Amino acid sequence: MATATTPIPRRAVLADLLPAASTRLGAQARDLALVAGGAALTGVAAQLSVNVPGSPVPVTGQTFAALLVGTALGTRRGAASLVLYLLAGMAGLPWFTGGATGWAFPTFGYVLGFVVAAALTGALARRGADRTPVNTAVTMVLGSLAIYAVGVPYLALSLNVPLARAAELGLYPYLVGDALKAALAAGALPLAWKLLGRR
């Protein structure tokens, strides 16, 4: 006997498929938990770090986490999650890469870029851009570009080097890794839609 499935709202994101709260207060509590969870995930992923010889910018898991948080939570919750990550780290919580805190380090611009990227990928996800592999890959690429658009100029200013040199240090060495992250997301997110959408 076939079971009926609940239609998925057109502008839903993955987080919207979680069981709905029965009261407004419950819905707010769920949103706060999602925001805090996204920030915590990014903080944990930031500790997965590999130094790149000759560059102050390490390869980390936080970029991928920030993109996933934005896509899964949507614009408002995703951006709020990365703002929480940013503010908590500035306030002294040691969960930036390598346990760093504050804002006086050359790669802080990338952390600022995470907020922009989360908002962008969340907005695209609201339009269904995470439901097919190709669209998901494009969403991840655009999110990565948003991070670089903030991070690389900040790096140039911080190190007092030309923008072209900052791109050599903080952009070009990471493009292959970004392509792999986009491919991973392109497989994982549409699959999550398939699995969570069967209700």
N, C-alpha and C. Protein backbone atom coordinates (compact mmCIF):
# COMPACT_ATOMS: atom_id res chain seq x y z
N MET A 1 0.84 -1.19 0.00
CA MET A 1 0.00 0.00 0.00
C MET A 1 0.88 1.24 0.00
N ALA A 2 0.67 2.14 -0.94
CA ALA A 2 1.49 3.33 -1.06
C ALA A 2 1.09 4.34 0.01
N THR A 3 2.09 5.04 0.53
CA THR A 3 1.81 6.07 1.53
C THR A 3 1.87 7.43 0.86
N ALA A 4 1.00 8.32 1.30
CA ALA A 4 0.98 9.67 0.73
C ALA A 4 2.17 10.46 1.25
N THR A 5 2.69 11.31 0.40
CA THR A 5 3.79 12.17 0.83
C THR A 5 3.29 13.60 0.91
N THR A 6 3.86 14.34 1.86
CA THR A 6 3.50 15.75 2.01
C THR A 6 4.25 16.56 0.96
N PRO A 7 3.56 17.39 0.18
CA PRO A 7 4.26 18.19 -0.81
C PRO A 7 5.28 19.11 -0.15
N ILE A 8 6.43 19.25 -0.77
CA ILE A 8 7.47 20.12 -0.23
C ILE A 8 7.23 21.53 -0.76
N PRO A 9 7.14 22.53 0.13
CA PRO A 9 6.94 23.90 -0.34
C PRO A 9 8.07 24.32 -1.29
N ARG A 10 7.70 25.09 -2.29
CA ARG A 10 8.64 25.47 -3.34
C ARG A 10 9.84 26.25 -2.79
N ARG A 11 9.61 27.11 -1.82
CA ARG A 11 10.69 27.95 -1.29
C ARG A 11 11.28 27.40 0.01
N ALA A 12 11.12 26.12 0.25
CA ALA A 12 11.66 25.50 1.46
C ALA A 12 13.16 25.26 1.31
N VAL A 13 13.84 25.24 2.45
CA VAL A 13 15.22 24.78 2.51
C VAL A 13 15.23 23.50 3.35
N LEU A 14 16.37 22.83 3.41
CA LEU A 14 16.43 21.55 4.10
C LEU A 14 15.96 21.64 5.56
N ALA A 15 16.33 22.71 6.24
CA ALA A 15 15.94 22.85 7.65
C ALA A 15 14.44 22.90 7.83
N ASP A 16 13.73 23.36 6.79
CA ASP A 16 12.27 23.44 6.89
C ASP A 16 11.61 22.07 6.87
N LEU A 17 12.35 21.03 6.51
CA LEU A 17 11.80 19.68 6.48
C LEU A 17 11.84 19.00 7.84
N LEU A 18 12.50 19.64 8.80
CA LEU A 18 12.51 19.11 10.16
C LEU A 18 11.10 19.21 10.73
N PRO A 19 10.77 18.37 11.71
CA PRO A 19 9.42 18.44 12.30
C PRO A 19 9.08 19.84 12.79
N ALA A 20 7.90 20.30 12.43
CA ALA A 20 7.49 21.65 12.78
C ALA A 20 7.14 21.74 14.26
N ALA A 21 7.45 22.89 14.85
CA ALA A 21 7.07 23.14 16.24
C ALA A 21 5.59 23.51 16.29
N SER A 22 4.93 23.16 17.38
CA SER A 22 3.48 23.37 17.47
C SER A 22 3.12 24.78 17.94
N THR A 23 4.08 25.51 18.50
CA THR A 23 3.81 26.87 18.97
C THR A 23 4.84 27.82 18.39
N ARG A 24 4.51 29.11 18.45
CA ARG A 24 5.46 30.12 17.95
C ARG A 24 6.74 30.10 18.76
N LEU A 25 6.61 29.95 20.08
CA LEU A 25 7.79 29.88 20.95
C LEU A 25 8.64 28.67 20.59
N GLY A 26 7.99 27.56 20.31
CA GLY A 26 8.72 26.36 19.91
C GLY A 26 9.44 26.56 18.59
N ALA A 27 8.81 27.26 17.65
CA ALA A 27 9.44 27.54 16.36
C ALA A 27 10.66 28.43 16.54
N GLN A 28 10.55 29.42 17.42
CA GLN A 28 11.68 30.31 17.68
C GLN A 28 12.82 29.55 18.35
N ALA A 29 12.47 28.67 19.29
CA ALA A 29 13.50 27.86 19.95
C ALA A 29 14.20 26.96 18.95
N ARG A 30 13.44 26.39 18.01
CA ARG A 30 14.05 25.54 16.98
C ARG A 30 14.99 26.35 16.11
N ASP A 31 14.57 27.57 15.72
CA ASP A 31 15.42 28.41 14.90
C ASP A 31 16.71 28.79 15.63
N LEU A 32 16.59 29.10 16.92
CA LEU A 32 17.78 29.43 17.71
C LEU A 32 18.73 28.23 17.79
N ALA A 33 18.16 27.04 17.96
CA ALA A 33 18.99 25.84 18.02
C ALA A 33 19.70 25.61 16.69
N LEU A 34 19.00 25.84 15.57
CA LEU A 34 19.61 25.68 14.26
C LEU A 34 20.74 26.69 14.04
N VAL A 35 20.50 27.93 14.45
CA VAL A 35 21.53 28.97 14.31
C VAL A 35 22.76 28.62 15.14
N ALA A 36 22.53 28.24 16.40
CA ALA A 36 23.65 27.88 17.27
C ALA A 36 24.37 26.64 16.75
N GLY A 37 23.59 25.66 16.27
CA GLY A 37 24.20 24.45 15.73
C GLY A 37 25.06 24.72 14.51
N GLY A 38 24.59 25.61 13.63
CA GLY A 38 25.36 25.97 12.46
C GLY A 38 26.67 26.66 12.82
N ALA A 39 26.61 27.55 13.82
CA ALA A 39 27.82 28.22 14.28
C ALA A 39 28.80 27.21 14.88
N ALA A 40 28.28 26.28 15.68
CA ALA A 40 29.13 25.27 16.31
C ALA A 40 29.77 24.36 15.26
N LEU A 41 28.99 23.97 14.25
CA LEU A 41 29.54 23.14 13.17
C LEU A 41 30.68 23.85 12.47
N THR A 42 30.50 25.13 12.20
CA THR A 42 31.56 25.91 11.55
C THR A 42 32.79 26.00 12.44
N GLY A 43 32.58 26.19 13.73
CA GLY A 43 33.71 26.26 14.66
C GLY A 43 34.48 24.97 14.75
N VAL A 44 33.77 23.84 14.76
CA VAL A 44 34.44 22.53 14.78
C VAL A 44 35.19 22.31 13.47
N ALA A 45 34.54 22.63 12.35
CA ALA A 45 35.17 22.43 11.04
C ALA A 45 36.41 23.31 10.87
N ALA A 46 36.44 24.46 11.55
CA ALA A 46 37.60 25.34 11.45
C ALA A 46 38.85 24.71 12.03
N GLN A 47 38.66 23.75 12.93
CA GLN A 47 39.83 23.10 13.54
C GLN A 47 40.45 22.04 12.62
N LEU A 48 39.74 21.69 11.55
CA LEU A 48 40.31 20.80 10.53
C LEU A 48 41.09 21.68 9.57
N SER A 49 42.37 21.80 9.82
CA SER A 49 43.17 22.82 9.14
C SER A 49 44.52 22.24 8.70
N VAL A 50 44.90 22.60 7.48
CA VAL A 50 46.21 22.19 6.95
C VAL A 50 46.90 23.43 6.41
N ASN A 51 48.10 23.70 6.89
CA ASN A 51 48.85 24.86 6.42
C ASN A 51 49.30 24.68 4.98
N VAL A 52 49.30 25.78 4.23
CA VAL A 52 49.77 25.79 2.85
C VAL A 52 51.12 26.48 2.83
N PRO A 53 52.18 25.81 2.40
CA PRO A 53 53.52 26.43 2.39
C PRO A 53 53.52 27.76 1.63
N GLY A 54 54.08 28.78 2.27
CA GLY A 54 54.21 30.08 1.63
C GLY A 54 52.98 30.95 1.69
N SER A 55 51.91 30.47 2.33
CA SER A 55 50.68 31.26 2.41
C SER A 55 50.19 31.32 3.84
N PRO A 56 49.65 32.48 4.25
CA PRO A 56 49.07 32.57 5.59
C PRO A 56 47.65 32.00 5.66
N VAL A 57 47.15 31.53 4.53
CA VAL A 57 45.77 31.03 4.46
C VAL A 57 45.79 29.50 4.45
N PRO A 58 45.35 28.85 5.52
CA PRO A 58 45.34 27.38 5.53
C PRO A 58 44.11 26.83 4.79
N VAL A 59 44.18 25.56 4.45
CA VAL A 59 43.00 24.85 3.96
C VAL A 59 42.24 24.39 5.19
N THR A 60 40.96 24.74 5.27
CA THR A 60 40.17 24.39 6.45
C THR A 60 38.82 23.81 6.05
N GLY A 61 38.15 23.25 7.02
CA GLY A 61 36.81 22.75 6.78
C GLY A 61 35.73 23.80 6.98
N GLN A 62 36.10 24.97 7.52
CA GLN A 62 35.07 25.96 7.85
C GLN A 62 34.41 26.57 6.63
N THR A 63 35.13 26.68 5.52
CA THR A 63 34.52 27.22 4.31
C THR A 63 33.37 26.33 3.85
N PHE A 64 33.62 25.04 3.80
CA PHE A 64 32.59 24.09 3.38
C PHE A 64 31.42 24.12 4.36
N ALA A 65 31.74 24.19 5.65
CA ALA A 65 30.69 24.24 6.67
C ALA A 65 29.83 25.49 6.51
N ALA A 66 30.46 26.63 6.28
CA ALA A 66 29.71 27.88 6.13
C ALA A 66 28.76 27.81 4.93
N LEU A 67 29.23 27.24 3.84
CA LEU A 67 28.38 27.11 2.65
C LEU A 67 27.22 26.16 2.90
N LEU A 68 27.49 25.06 3.57
CA LEU A 68 26.42 24.11 3.88
C LEU A 68 25.40 24.70 4.85
N VAL A 69 25.88 25.43 5.85
CA VAL A 69 24.98 26.05 6.82
C VAL A 69 24.05 27.03 6.12
N GLY A 70 24.60 27.87 5.27
CA GLY A 70 23.77 28.82 4.55
C GLY A 70 22.74 28.13 3.68
N THR A 71 23.17 27.11 2.96
CA THR A 71 22.27 26.40 2.05
C THR A 71 21.19 25.65 2.81
N ALA A 72 21.55 24.99 3.88
CA ALA A 72 20.59 24.17 4.62
C ALA A 72 19.62 24.99 5.46
N LEU A 73 20.08 26.13 5.97
CA LEU A 73 19.24 26.92 6.89
C LEU A 73 18.47 28.03 6.20
N GLY A 74 18.91 28.45 5.02
CA GLY A 74 18.26 29.58 4.36
C GLY A 74 18.92 30.89 4.72
N THR A 75 18.53 31.95 4.05
CA THR A 75 19.20 33.25 4.18
C THR A 75 19.25 33.75 5.61
N ARG A 76 18.11 33.89 6.23
CA ARG A 76 18.04 34.52 7.55
C ARG A 76 18.77 33.71 8.61
N ARG A 77 18.43 32.44 8.73
CA ARG A 77 19.07 31.61 9.76
C ARG A 77 20.53 31.35 9.43
N GLY A 78 20.84 31.15 8.14
CA GLY A 78 22.22 30.89 7.75
C GLY A 78 23.13 32.06 8.05
N ALA A 79 22.69 33.27 7.66
CA ALA A 79 23.50 34.46 7.95
C ALA A 79 23.62 34.68 9.44
N ALA A 80 22.51 34.49 10.18
CA ALA A 80 22.55 34.66 11.64
C ALA A 80 23.53 33.69 12.28
N SER A 81 23.59 32.47 11.77
CA SER A 81 24.50 31.46 12.29
C SER A 81 25.95 31.88 12.12
N LEU A 82 26.27 32.42 10.94
CA LEU A 82 27.66 32.83 10.70
C LEU A 82 27.99 34.14 11.40
N VAL A 83 27.00 35.00 11.62
CA VAL A 83 27.22 36.20 12.43
C VAL A 83 27.52 35.78 13.87
N LEU A 84 26.79 34.79 14.38
CA LEU A 84 27.06 34.28 15.72
C LEU A 84 28.47 33.71 15.80
N TYR A 85 28.86 32.93 14.80
CA TYR A 85 30.22 32.38 14.74
C TYR A 85 31.25 33.51 14.78
N LEU A 86 31.01 34.54 13.98
CA LEU A 86 31.92 35.68 13.90
C LEU A 86 32.02 36.42 15.22
N LEU A 87 30.87 36.78 15.80
CA LEU A 87 30.88 37.57 17.03
C LEU A 87 31.45 36.80 18.21
N ALA A 88 31.13 35.50 18.30
CA ALA A 88 31.66 34.70 19.41
C ALA A 88 33.17 34.58 19.32
N GLY A 89 33.68 34.41 18.10
CA GLY A 89 35.13 34.35 17.92
C GLY A 89 35.81 35.67 18.24
N MET A 90 35.17 36.77 17.84
CA MET A 90 35.72 38.09 18.16
C MET A 90 35.72 38.35 19.66
N ALA A 91 34.71 37.78 20.34
CA ALA A 91 34.59 37.99 21.79
C ALA A 91 35.54 37.12 22.59
N GLY A 92 36.22 36.18 21.94
CA GLY A 92 37.22 35.38 22.65
C GLY A 92 37.03 33.88 22.61
N LEU A 93 35.94 33.40 22.01
CA LEU A 93 35.77 31.94 21.90
C LEU A 93 36.77 31.42 20.88
N PRO A 94 37.65 30.49 21.28
CA PRO A 94 38.75 30.07 20.39
C PRO A 94 38.31 29.05 19.34
N TRP A 95 37.45 29.47 18.41
CA TRP A 95 36.98 28.52 17.42
C TRP A 95 37.19 28.98 15.98
N PHE A 96 37.99 30.03 15.80
CA PHE A 96 38.48 30.30 14.45
C PHE A 96 39.60 29.28 14.17
N THR A 97 40.09 29.26 12.96
CA THR A 97 41.11 28.28 12.60
C THR A 97 42.30 28.33 13.54
N GLY A 98 42.72 27.15 14.00
CA GLY A 98 43.86 27.07 14.91
C GLY A 98 43.57 27.62 16.29
N GLY A 99 42.31 27.76 16.65
CA GLY A 99 41.97 28.30 17.97
C GLY A 99 42.13 29.81 18.07
N ALA A 100 42.22 30.49 16.94
CA ALA A 100 42.39 31.95 16.95
C ALA A 100 41.12 32.63 17.45
N THR A 101 41.30 33.83 18.00
CA THR A 101 40.18 34.66 18.45
C THR A 101 40.43 36.09 17.98
N GLY A 102 39.45 36.96 18.21
CA GLY A 102 39.62 38.37 17.88
C GLY A 102 39.42 38.63 16.39
N TRP A 103 40.12 39.62 15.90
CA TRP A 103 40.01 39.97 14.48
C TRP A 103 41.33 40.43 13.88
N ALA A 104 42.40 40.45 14.69
CA ALA A 104 43.69 40.97 14.22
C ALA A 104 44.54 39.86 13.60
N PHE A 105 44.01 39.26 12.53
CA PHE A 105 44.81 38.28 11.79
C PHE A 105 44.43 38.39 10.31
N PRO A 106 45.38 38.06 9.42
CA PRO A 106 45.19 38.35 7.99
C PRO A 106 44.00 37.66 7.34
N THR A 107 43.58 36.51 7.88
CA THR A 107 42.51 35.76 7.23
C THR A 107 41.12 36.10 7.79
N PHE A 108 41.03 37.14 8.61
CA PHE A 108 39.74 37.51 9.18
C PHE A 108 38.72 37.90 8.10
N GLY A 109 39.20 38.41 6.99
CA GLY A 109 38.30 38.77 5.89
C GLY A 109 37.52 37.59 5.37
N TYR A 110 38.12 36.41 5.40
CA TYR A 110 37.39 35.21 4.96
C TYR A 110 36.23 34.91 5.91
N VAL A 111 36.45 35.14 7.20
CA VAL A 111 35.39 34.92 8.18
C VAL A 111 34.23 35.89 7.91
N LEU A 112 34.55 37.15 7.60
CA LEU A 112 33.52 38.10 7.21
C LEU A 112 32.79 37.62 5.95
N GLY A 113 33.56 37.06 5.03
CA GLY A 113 32.97 36.56 3.80
C GLY A 113 32.02 35.40 4.02
N PHE A 114 32.22 34.65 5.09
CA PHE A 114 31.31 33.54 5.38
C PHE A 114 29.87 34.02 5.58
N VAL A 115 29.73 35.18 6.20
CA VAL A 115 28.38 35.73 6.43
C VAL A 115 27.71 36.04 5.09
N VAL A 116 28.46 36.69 4.21
CA VAL A 116 27.93 37.02 2.88
C VAL A 116 27.59 35.74 2.12
N ALA A 117 28.49 34.77 2.17
CA ALA A 117 28.28 33.51 1.45
C ALA A 117 27.07 32.75 1.97
N ALA A 118 26.90 32.74 3.30
CA ALA A 118 25.74 32.03 3.89
C ALA A 118 24.44 32.68 3.45
N ALA A 119 24.42 34.01 3.43
CA ALA A 119 23.21 34.71 2.98
C ALA A 119 22.94 34.42 1.51
N LEU A 120 23.99 34.41 0.69
CA LEU A 120 23.82 34.17 -0.74
C LEU A 120 23.36 32.74 -1.02
N THR A 121 24.05 31.76 -0.45
CA THR A 121 23.67 30.37 -0.71
C THR A 121 22.28 30.07 -0.14
N GLY A 122 21.95 30.71 1.00
CA GLY A 122 20.63 30.54 1.56
C GLY A 122 19.54 31.09 0.65
N ALA A 123 19.81 32.25 0.05
CA ALA A 123 18.84 32.85 -0.87
C ALA A 123 18.66 31.99 -2.11
N LEU A 124 19.76 31.44 -2.60
CA LEU A 124 19.67 30.57 -3.78
C LEU A 124 18.93 29.27 -3.44
N ALA A 125 19.19 28.75 -2.25
CA ALA A 125 18.50 27.52 -1.83
C ALA A 125 16.99 27.76 -1.72
N ARG A 126 16.60 28.94 -1.29
CA ARG A 126 15.17 29.28 -1.22
C ARG A 126 14.52 29.23 -2.61
N ARG A 127 15.34 29.33 -3.64
CA ARG A 127 14.83 29.26 -5.01
C ARG A 127 15.05 27.88 -5.63
N GLY A 128 15.39 26.91 -4.76
CA GLY A 128 15.53 25.53 -5.22
C GLY A 128 16.87 25.19 -5.82
N ALA A 129 17.89 26.02 -5.57
CA ALA A 129 19.18 25.80 -6.21
C ALA A 129 20.02 24.70 -5.60
N ASP A 130 19.50 24.03 -4.57
CA ASP A 130 20.24 22.92 -3.96
C ASP A 130 19.56 21.58 -4.18
N ARG A 131 18.65 21.52 -5.15
CA ARG A 131 17.87 20.29 -5.33
C ARG A 131 18.36 19.43 -6.48
N THR A 132 19.24 19.96 -7.31
CA THR A 132 19.84 19.18 -8.38
C THR A 132 21.35 19.31 -8.30
N PRO A 133 22.09 18.31 -8.78
CA PRO A 133 23.56 18.38 -8.68
C PRO A 133 24.17 19.60 -9.37
N VAL A 134 23.72 19.92 -10.57
CA VAL A 134 24.32 21.05 -11.30
C VAL A 134 24.05 22.36 -10.58
N ASN A 135 22.80 22.59 -10.19
CA ASN A 135 22.47 23.83 -9.50
C ASN A 135 23.17 23.94 -8.16
N THR A 136 23.31 22.82 -7.47
CA THR A 136 24.02 22.83 -6.18
C THR A 136 25.48 23.21 -6.38
N ALA A 137 26.12 22.64 -7.39
CA ALA A 137 27.52 22.96 -7.67
C ALA A 137 27.68 24.45 -7.98
N VAL A 138 26.77 25.00 -8.77
CA VAL A 138 26.83 26.43 -9.09
C VAL A 138 26.65 27.26 -7.82
N THR A 139 25.73 26.85 -6.96
CA THR A 139 25.50 27.56 -5.70
C THR A 139 26.77 27.58 -4.84
N MET A 140 27.45 26.44 -4.76
CA MET A 140 28.68 26.36 -3.97
C MET A 140 29.78 27.25 -4.56
N VAL A 141 29.88 27.26 -5.88
CA VAL A 141 30.89 28.09 -6.55
C VAL A 141 30.62 29.56 -6.28
N LEU A 142 29.37 29.98 -6.40
CA LEU A 142 29.03 31.38 -6.15
C LEU A 142 29.28 31.75 -4.69
N GLY A 143 28.97 30.83 -3.77
CA GLY A 143 29.27 31.07 -2.36
C GLY A 143 30.76 31.22 -2.10
N SER A 144 31.55 30.39 -2.75
CA SER A 144 33.01 30.48 -2.60
C SER A 144 33.53 31.81 -3.14
N LEU A 145 32.99 32.24 -4.27
CA LEU A 145 33.40 33.52 -4.85
C LEU A 145 33.07 34.68 -3.91
N ALA A 146 31.93 34.58 -3.23
CA ALA A 146 31.57 35.62 -2.26
C ALA A 146 32.58 35.69 -1.12
N ILE A 147 33.05 34.54 -0.67
CA ILE A 147 34.06 34.51 0.39
C ILE A 147 35.36 35.15 -0.09
N TYR A 148 35.78 34.80 -1.30
CA TYR A 148 37.01 35.38 -1.84
C TYR A 148 36.87 36.87 -2.09
N ALA A 149 35.68 37.32 -2.47
CA ALA A 149 35.46 38.73 -2.77
C ALA A 149 35.70 39.61 -1.55
N VAL A 150 35.51 39.05 -0.37
CA VAL A 150 35.79 39.78 0.87
C VAL A 150 37.18 39.42 1.40
N GLY A 151 37.50 38.12 1.38
CA GLY A 151 38.73 37.65 2.01
C GLY A 151 40.00 38.10 1.33
N VAL A 152 40.03 38.08 0.00
CA VAL A 152 41.27 38.42 -0.71
C VAL A 152 41.62 39.91 -0.57
N PRO A 153 40.68 40.85 -0.78
CA PRO A 153 41.02 42.26 -0.55
C PRO A 153 41.44 42.54 0.90
N TYR A 154 40.77 41.88 1.86
CA TYR A 154 41.15 42.05 3.26
C TYR A 154 42.58 41.55 3.48
N LEU A 155 42.92 40.41 2.86
CA LEU A 155 44.27 39.87 2.96
C LEU A 155 45.29 40.84 2.40
N ALA A 156 44.96 41.45 1.26
CA ALA A 156 45.87 42.43 0.63
C ALA A 156 46.12 43.61 1.56
N LEU A 157 45.04 44.13 2.16
CA LEU A 157 45.19 45.26 3.08
C LEU A 157 45.97 44.86 4.33
N SER A 158 45.69 43.69 4.85
CA SER A 158 46.32 43.22 6.08
C SER A 158 47.82 43.01 5.90
N LEU A 159 48.18 42.44 4.75
CA LEU A 159 49.60 42.16 4.48
C LEU A 159 50.30 43.29 3.77
N ASN A 160 49.53 44.32 3.37
CA ASN A 160 50.07 45.45 2.62
C ASN A 160 50.75 44.99 1.33
N VAL A 161 50.01 44.17 0.58
CA VAL A 161 50.51 43.69 -0.71
C VAL A 161 49.48 44.02 -1.78
N PRO A 162 49.88 44.04 -3.07
CA PRO A 162 48.90 44.29 -4.13
C PRO A 162 47.84 43.18 -4.17
N LEU A 163 46.70 43.52 -4.73
CA LEU A 163 45.60 42.56 -4.82
C LEU A 163 46.01 41.31 -5.60
N ALA A 164 46.81 41.50 -6.64
CA ALA A 164 47.25 40.34 -7.43
C ALA A 164 48.08 39.38 -6.58
N ARG A 165 48.93 39.95 -5.73
CA ARG A 165 49.74 39.10 -4.85
C ARG A 165 48.86 38.40 -3.81
N ALA A 166 47.86 39.11 -3.30
CA ALA A 166 46.95 38.49 -2.34
C ALA A 166 46.19 37.34 -2.99
N ALA A 167 45.84 37.47 -4.27
CA ALA A 167 45.16 36.38 -4.98
C ALA A 167 46.09 35.18 -5.12
N GLU A 168 47.37 35.43 -5.34
CA GLU A 168 48.34 34.32 -5.42
C GLU A 168 48.45 33.59 -4.09
N LEU A 169 48.33 34.35 -2.99
CA LEU A 169 48.46 33.76 -1.66
C LEU A 169 47.16 33.13 -1.15
N GLY A 170 46.03 33.75 -1.49
CA GLY A 170 44.80 33.36 -0.84
C GLY A 170 43.65 32.98 -1.74
N LEU A 171 43.92 32.77 -3.04
CA LEU A 171 42.85 32.37 -3.95
C LEU A 171 43.26 31.20 -4.84
N TYR A 172 44.25 31.40 -5.68
CA TYR A 172 44.60 30.39 -6.70
C TYR A 172 44.93 29.01 -6.13
N PRO A 173 45.67 28.93 -5.00
CA PRO A 173 46.01 27.59 -4.50
C PRO A 173 44.81 26.78 -4.02
N TYR A 174 43.65 27.41 -3.89
CA TYR A 174 42.50 26.75 -3.25
C TYR A 174 41.39 26.39 -4.23
N LEU A 175 41.58 26.72 -5.50
CA LEU A 175 40.51 26.51 -6.47
C LEU A 175 40.19 25.03 -6.70
N VAL A 176 41.22 24.19 -6.71
CA VAL A 176 40.98 22.75 -6.90
C VAL A 176 40.19 22.20 -5.72
N GLY A 177 40.57 22.59 -4.52
CA GLY A 177 39.84 22.14 -3.34
C GLY A 177 38.40 22.62 -3.35
N ASP A 178 38.19 23.84 -3.81
CA ASP A 178 36.82 24.37 -3.89
C ASP A 178 35.99 23.58 -4.89
N ALA A 179 36.62 23.17 -5.98
CA ALA A 179 35.91 22.36 -6.98
C ALA A 179 35.50 21.02 -6.38
N LEU A 180 36.38 20.43 -5.57
CA LEU A 180 36.06 19.16 -4.92
C LEU A 180 34.91 19.33 -3.91
N LYS A 181 34.92 20.45 -3.16
CA LYS A 181 33.84 20.72 -2.21
C LYS A 181 32.52 20.89 -2.95
N ALA A 182 32.56 21.61 -4.07
CA ALA A 182 31.34 21.81 -4.85
C ALA A 182 30.79 20.47 -5.35
N ALA A 183 31.71 19.59 -5.78
CA ALA A 183 31.28 18.27 -6.27
C ALA A 183 30.69 17.44 -5.14
N LEU A 184 31.30 17.52 -3.96
CA LEU A 184 30.78 16.78 -2.81
C LEU A 184 29.38 17.28 -2.43
N ALA A 185 29.22 18.59 -2.39
CA ALA A 185 27.91 19.16 -2.07
C ALA A 185 26.88 18.81 -3.14
N ALA A 186 27.33 18.77 -4.39
CA ALA A 186 26.42 18.46 -5.50
C ALA A 186 25.86 17.05 -5.39
N GLY A 187 26.59 16.17 -4.74
CA GLY A 187 26.08 14.83 -4.49
C GLY A 187 25.28 14.74 -3.22
N ALA A 188 25.74 15.43 -2.16
CA ALA A 188 25.13 15.26 -0.84
C ALA A 188 23.80 15.98 -0.68
N LEU A 189 23.72 17.23 -1.13
CA LEU A 189 22.50 18.01 -0.87
C LEU A 189 21.28 17.49 -1.64
N PRO A 190 21.39 17.21 -2.94
CA PRO A 190 20.22 16.64 -3.62
C PRO A 190 19.81 15.29 -3.02
N LEU A 191 20.80 14.50 -2.57
CA LEU A 191 20.48 13.22 -1.93
C LEU A 191 19.71 13.46 -0.62
N ALA A 192 20.13 14.48 0.14
CA ALA A 192 19.43 14.81 1.38
C ALA A 192 17.98 15.22 1.08
N TRP A 193 17.78 15.94 0.00
CA TRP A 193 16.42 16.31 -0.39
C TRP A 193 15.58 15.07 -0.69
N LYS A 194 16.19 14.14 -1.38
CA LYS A 194 15.46 12.91 -1.71
C LYS A 194 15.07 12.14 -0.45
N LEU A 195 16.03 12.01 0.47
CA LEU A 195 15.78 11.22 1.67
C LEU A 195 14.80 11.91 2.61
N LEU A 196 14.99 13.22 2.84
CA LEU A 196 14.13 13.94 3.77
C LEU A 196 12.77 14.25 3.17
N GLY A 197 12.71 14.27 1.86
CA GLY A 197 11.45 14.60 1.20
C GLY A 197 10.46 13.46 1.17
N ARG A 198 10.90 12.26 1.50
CA ARG A 198 9.99 11.10 1.52
C ARG A 198 9.30 11.01 2.87
N ARG A 199 8.22 11.73 3.01
CA ARG A 199 7.53 11.77 4.31
C ARG A 199 6.09 11.29 4.13
